[in-house]
Amino acid sequence: MSITAQSVRNNCLNFIKDNIQPQAYKTWFEPIIAVKLTDNALSVQVPSKFFYEWLEEHYVKILKVALTKELGETAKLVYIIKMENTYGNKQPFTERIPSSNRSAVKAQDVDVPFKNKDRELRNPFIIPGIRNVKIESQLNPNYNFDNFLEGDSNRLARSAGLAVSAKPGGTSFNPLLIFGGVGLGKTHLAHAIGVDIKDKYP
């Protein structure tokens, strides 16, 4: 039986399925699509760049073990991310990103997610040719952390909000979902995060 991208993907996922929680497997591994297998490099398509970053941050070691088991020590993994193009003809484009296991290293040696230095995605908030644009954030400055009443019911939410405002996009609360009943401070907390971020990173 010949080895195909699909068979390698299936065997790897069967191994991973036996070693992680069912919900984690369903969320992070079932959506992976095998694209091609070339020179011991398995190319897989994932739904988004966030998806790729999550896999690299949380599951790179088990991915490396599974892939090495199937393809040997020289195994490599390449992510293909299909993204919508908001410019020009609106055609989707793909970005190819090698995994941090791009060289023949043992799984336990891999602990730093790979950063893509070759190509940065465009920042949607930067408009070429325009400088010093003042954008009205529509945040209410009265809704801040200083006057947010903390209690047993919202202590965790407030702490998560403070963590997000101190390091936007760099915490485990990413994305941060604020959910609760009427009048419990959801709006206040959301504004407080925005106000604090705006103050720290004008």
Protein backbone atom coordinates (compact mmCIF):
# COMPACT_ATOMS: atom_id res chain seq x y z
CA MET A 1 0.00 0.00 0.00
CA SER A 2 1.49 3.36 -1.04
CA ILE A 3 1.88 6.19 1.45
CA THR A 4 -0.32 9.19 0.67
CA ALA A 5 -0.86 12.53 2.38
CA GLN A 6 -4.31 11.33 3.46
CA SER A 7 -3.02 8.06 4.94
CA VAL A 8 -0.25 9.87 6.86
CA ARG A 9 -2.76 12.41 8.16
CA ASN A 10 -5.18 9.65 9.23
CA ASN A 11 -2.49 7.61 11.00
CA CYS A 12 -1.15 10.69 12.78
CA LEU A 13 -4.64 11.72 13.88
CA ASN A 14 -5.41 8.20 15.15
CA PHE A 15 -2.28 8.37 17.31
CA ILE A 16 -3.12 11.90 18.55
CA LYS A 17 -6.75 10.94 19.23
CA ASP A 18 -5.56 8.29 21.71
CA ASN A 19 -3.42 10.81 23.59
CA ILE A 20 -5.59 13.93 24.05
CA GLN A 21 -9.06 14.84 25.28
CA PRO A 22 -11.91 14.06 22.81
CA GLN A 23 -13.14 17.68 22.73
CA ALA A 24 -9.64 19.02 22.02
CA TYR A 25 -9.25 16.46 19.23
CA LYS A 26 -12.61 17.39 17.67
CA THR A 27 -11.85 21.13 17.85
CA TRP A 28 -8.20 21.25 16.78
CA PHE A 29 -7.48 18.13 14.73
CA GLU A 30 -10.61 17.02 12.86
CA PRO A 31 -10.62 20.21 10.68
CA ILE A 32 -7.07 19.51 9.42
CA ILE A 33 -7.08 18.59 5.72
CA ALA A 34 -4.19 16.71 4.08
CA VAL A 35 -3.05 18.47 0.91
CA LYS A 36 0.11 16.75 -0.31
CA LEU A 37 3.14 14.73 0.71
CA THR A 38 6.50 15.70 -0.81
CA ASP A 39 9.97 14.59 0.33
CA ASN A 40 8.82 13.64 3.85
CA ALA A 41 7.03 16.99 4.18
CA LEU A 42 3.30 16.74 4.88
CA SER A 43 1.36 19.84 3.80
CA VAL A 44 -1.93 20.32 5.64
CA GLN A 45 -4.61 22.97 5.31
CA VAL A 46 -5.93 24.64 8.46
CA PRO A 47 -8.85 27.09 8.72
CA SER A 48 -6.96 30.18 9.96
CA LYS A 49 -3.69 31.66 11.16
CA PHE A 50 -5.03 31.56 14.73
CA PHE A 51 -5.66 27.83 14.28
CA TYR A 52 -2.06 27.30 13.13
CA GLU A 53 -0.69 29.38 16.05
CA TRP A 54 -2.77 27.39 18.56
CA LEU A 55 -1.53 24.06 17.20
CA GLU A 56 2.08 25.26 17.27
CA GLU A 57 1.77 26.63 20.80
CA HIS A 58 -0.10 23.76 22.40
CA TYR A 59 0.36 20.61 20.29
CA VAL A 60 3.69 20.90 18.44
CA LYS A 61 5.30 18.10 20.48
CA ILE A 62 2.59 15.53 19.88
CA LEU A 63 2.44 16.53 16.20
CA LYS A 64 6.19 15.96 15.92
CA VAL A 65 5.97 12.57 17.64
CA ALA A 66 3.08 11.44 15.40
CA LEU A 67 4.78 12.65 12.22
CA THR A 68 8.15 11.12 13.14
CA LYS A 69 6.36 7.83 13.84
CA GLU A 70 4.91 7.88 10.32
CA LEU A 71 7.67 9.45 8.21
CA GLY A 72 10.89 9.10 10.22
CA GLU A 73 13.28 11.61 11.77
CA THR A 74 13.39 13.88 8.71
CA ALA A 75 9.61 14.46 8.76
CA LYS A 76 8.41 18.02 8.25
CA LEU A 77 5.00 19.67 8.56
CA VAL A 78 3.87 22.62 6.44
CA TYR A 79 0.66 24.52 7.16
CA ILE A 80 -1.37 25.97 4.31
CA ILE A 81 -3.78 28.71 5.38
CA LYS A 82 -6.51 29.78 2.98
CA MET A 83 -7.40 33.41 3.60
CA GLU A 84 -9.89 35.79 2.08
CA ASN A 85 -8.27 38.60 0.10
CA THR A 86 -9.90 41.90 1.04
CA TYR A 87 -8.03 43.75 -1.69
CA GLY A 88 -8.29 43.71 -5.46
CA ASN A 89 -10.26 40.91 -7.06
CA LYS A 90 -11.37 39.33 -3.77
CA GLN A 91 -9.84 35.97 -4.73
CA PRO A 92 -8.71 33.92 -1.72
CA PHE A 93 -4.99 33.33 -1.35
CA THR A 94 -2.95 30.81 0.58
CA GLU A 95 0.00 31.20 2.90
CA ARG A 96 2.45 28.35 3.44
CA ILE A 97 4.04 28.24 6.90
CA PRO A 98 6.51 25.56 7.99
CA SER A 99 5.96 24.09 11.43
CA SER A 100 8.56 24.66 14.14
CA ASN A 101 9.44 21.00 13.58
CA ARG A 102 10.85 21.96 10.16
CA SER A 103 14.22 20.35 10.94
CA ALA A 104 15.04 16.92 12.29
CA VAL A 105 14.87 17.77 15.99
CA LYS A 106 13.50 15.59 18.73
CA ALA A 107 10.04 16.53 19.96
CA GLN A 108 11.21 17.36 23.47
CA ASP A 109 13.65 19.94 22.05
CA VAL A 110 10.88 21.91 20.36
CA ASP A 111 9.47 24.47 22.71
CA VAL A 112 9.42 27.76 20.81
CA PRO A 113 6.67 28.34 18.23
CA PHE A 114 7.95 29.19 14.76
CA LYS A 115 7.68 32.83 13.78
CA ASN A 116 7.12 33.54 10.10
CA LYS A 117 9.84 36.09 9.28
CA ASP A 118 9.49 35.93 5.52
CA ARG A 119 6.03 37.39 5.26
CA GLU A 120 3.91 39.48 7.58
CA LEU A 121 0.17 39.78 7.13
CA ARG A 122 -0.96 43.32 6.45
CA ASN A 123 -2.16 45.27 9.46
CA PRO A 124 -5.79 46.16 8.64
CA PHE A 125 -5.61 49.26 10.85
CA ILE A 126 -2.81 50.93 8.89
CA ILE A 127 -3.92 53.00 5.91
CA PRO A 128 -1.02 53.64 3.51
CA GLY A 129 -0.22 57.31 2.92
CA ILE A 130 -2.22 58.57 5.90
CA ARG A 131 -0.53 59.48 9.16
CA ASN A 132 -1.80 60.57 12.58
CA VAL A 133 -5.41 59.62 11.97
CA LYS A 134 -7.49 60.25 15.08
CA ILE A 135 -10.10 57.53 15.39
CA GLU A 136 -13.03 57.97 17.75
CA SER A 137 -13.10 54.76 19.76
CA GLN A 138 -16.57 55.43 21.21
CA LEU A 139 -15.32 54.10 24.55
CA ASN A 140 -16.85 55.56 27.68
CA PRO A 141 -13.94 56.77 29.88
CA ASN A 142 -16.20 56.55 32.96
CA TYR A 143 -16.26 52.77 32.55
CA ASN A 144 -12.76 51.97 33.78
CA PHE A 145 -11.09 49.51 36.13
CA ASP A 146 -10.78 52.14 38.90
CA ASN A 147 -14.54 52.31 39.43
CA PHE A 148 -15.35 48.69 38.54
CA LEU A 149 -16.86 47.07 41.63
CA GLU A 150 -15.22 43.72 42.27
CA GLY A 151 -16.96 40.84 44.01
CA ASP A 152 -16.89 37.06 44.17
CA SER A 153 -19.05 36.78 41.06
CA ASN A 154 -16.83 38.88 38.79
CA ARG A 155 -13.31 38.58 40.23
CA LEU A 156 -12.15 36.14 37.54
CA ALA A 157 -13.67 38.26 34.74
CA ARG A 158 -11.98 41.41 36.08
CA SER A 159 -8.61 39.64 36.37
CA ALA A 160 -8.93 38.33 32.82
CA GLY A 161 -9.82 41.85 31.63
CA LEU A 162 -6.77 43.33 33.35
CA ALA A 163 -4.53 40.64 31.83
CA VAL A 164 -5.89 41.35 28.33
CA SER A 165 -5.47 45.12 28.70
CA ALA A 166 -1.89 44.67 29.96
CA LYS A 167 -0.89 42.43 27.03
CA PRO A 168 -3.46 42.50 24.20
CA GLY A 169 -3.42 39.29 22.16
CA GLY A 170 -0.65 37.83 24.29
CA THR A 171 -2.57 36.02 27.00
CA SER A 172 -4.40 32.71 27.25
CA PHE A 173 -7.65 34.75 27.25
CA ASN A 174 -7.58 35.08 23.47
CA PRO A 175 -10.30 35.41 22.42
CA LEU A 176 -11.94 36.73 25.58
CA LEU A 177 -15.66 35.97 25.83
CA ILE A 178 -17.67 38.00 28.33
CA PHE A 179 -20.98 36.35 29.16
CA GLY A 180 -23.47 36.97 31.95
CA GLY A 181 -26.87 38.25 32.94
CA VAL A 182 -28.25 41.78 32.71
CA GLY A 183 -26.65 44.39 34.95
CA LEU A 184 -23.62 42.36 36.01
CA GLY A 185 -21.03 44.66 34.41
CA LYS A 186 -20.29 43.18 30.98
CA THR A 187 -20.39 46.57 29.23
CA HIS A 188 -18.37 48.22 31.98
CA LEU A 189 -15.70 45.52 31.77
CA ALA A 190 -15.50 45.64 27.95
CA HIS A 191 -15.13 49.44 28.00
CA ALA A 192 -12.59 49.26 30.85
CA ILE A 193 -10.40 46.92 28.78
CA GLY A 194 -10.61 49.27 25.79
CA VAL A 195 -9.96 52.41 27.85
CA ASP A 196 -6.95 50.83 29.55
CA ILE A 197 -5.47 49.60 26.25
CA LYS A 198 -6.00 53.02 24.68
CA ASP A 199 -4.20 54.67 27.62
CA LYS A 200 -1.26 52.23 27.50
CA TYR A 201 -0.96 52.01 23.72
CA PRO A 202 -2.25 55.30 22.30
